[in-house]
Amino acid sequence: MSTKAQAVVESFYSLPKPEQLAVYEAIARTLVPGNYGPLSDEDLTAIAAETFSSLDEEEQGAKPR
């Protein structure tokens, strides 16, 4: 990953969770597989919820106790 891309990722993670979700949804809307058609808002919301749940679990597991 380029340093420019890494800076984007770091900026993304510095955003509050609601803004991360908005950015994630905006990007996901542009990454539509050609043969499957566009994702619905419900699909995007479900995908984002799963992603953030997974990230929260990873973050909690990485914190020192």
Protein backbone atom coordinates (compact mmCIF):
# COMPACT_ATOMS: atom_id res chain seq x y z
CA MET A 1 0.00 0.00 0.00
CA SER A 2 1.35 3.41 -0.90
CA THR A 3 2.04 6.04 1.75
CA LYS A 4 -0.79 8.11 0.28
CA ALA A 5 -3.22 5.20 0.64
CA GLN A 6 -1.97 4.53 4.18
CA ALA A 7 -2.63 8.18 5.07
CA VAL A 8 -6.21 7.82 3.79
CA VAL A 9 -6.70 4.70 5.94
CA GLU A 10 -5.31 6.43 9.01
CA SER A 11 -7.53 9.45 8.39
CA PHE A 12 -10.53 7.13 8.06
CA TYR A 13 -9.82 5.50 11.43
CA SER A 14 -9.48 8.89 13.09
CA LEU A 15 -13.09 9.75 12.18
CA PRO A 16 -15.97 9.15 14.60
CA LYS A 17 -17.76 5.83 13.96
CA PRO A 18 -20.85 7.44 12.31
CA GLU A 19 -18.61 9.25 9.82
CA GLN A 20 -16.65 6.06 9.16
CA LEU A 21 -19.93 4.33 8.36
CA ALA A 22 -20.94 7.12 5.96
CA VAL A 23 -17.57 6.93 4.16
CA TYR A 24 -17.74 3.15 4.02
CA GLU A 25 -21.22 3.23 2.50
CA ALA A 26 -20.18 5.86 -0.07
CA ILE A 27 -17.22 3.73 -1.16
CA ALA A 28 -19.23 0.50 -1.17
CA ARG A 29 -21.76 2.08 -3.52
CA THR A 30 -19.02 2.55 -6.13
CA LEU A 31 -17.66 -1.02 -5.90
CA VAL A 32 -20.49 -2.93 -7.53
CA PRO A 33 -19.64 -6.32 -9.02
CA GLY A 34 -20.58 -6.23 -12.72
CA ASN A 35 -22.76 -9.32 -12.79
CA TYR A 36 -24.68 -8.80 -9.56
CA GLY A 37 -26.18 -5.34 -9.95
CA PRO A 38 -26.16 -2.54 -7.40
CA LEU A 39 -26.50 -3.20 -3.69
CA SER A 40 -29.59 -1.91 -1.92
CA ASP A 41 -29.36 0.46 1.04
CA GLU A 42 -30.36 -2.47 3.27
CA ASP A 43 -27.53 -4.60 1.85
CA LEU A 44 -25.01 -1.82 2.40
CA THR A 45 -26.24 -1.19 5.94
CA ALA A 46 -26.00 -4.90 6.79
CA ILE A 47 -22.50 -5.18 5.31
CA ALA A 48 -21.35 -2.08 7.18
CA ALA A 49 -22.85 -3.34 10.46
CA GLU A 50 -21.03 -6.66 10.08
CA THR A 51 -17.78 -4.91 9.24
CA PHE A 52 -17.91 -2.54 12.19
CA SER A 53 -18.94 -5.33 14.55
CA SER A 54 -15.93 -7.32 13.41
CA LEU A 55 -13.63 -4.30 13.79
CA ASP A 56 -15.00 -3.63 17.29
CA GLU A 57 -14.32 -7.25 18.28
CA GLU A 58 -10.77 -7.03 16.94
CA GLU A 59 -10.19 -3.73 18.70
CA GLN A 60 -11.44 -5.09 22.03
CA GLY A 61 -9.23 -8.16 21.65
CA ALA A 62 -6.17 -6.00 20.92
CA LYS A 63 -6.52 -3.76 23.97
CA PRO A 64 -4.30 -4.57 26.95
CA ARG A 65 -6.26 -5.77 29.95
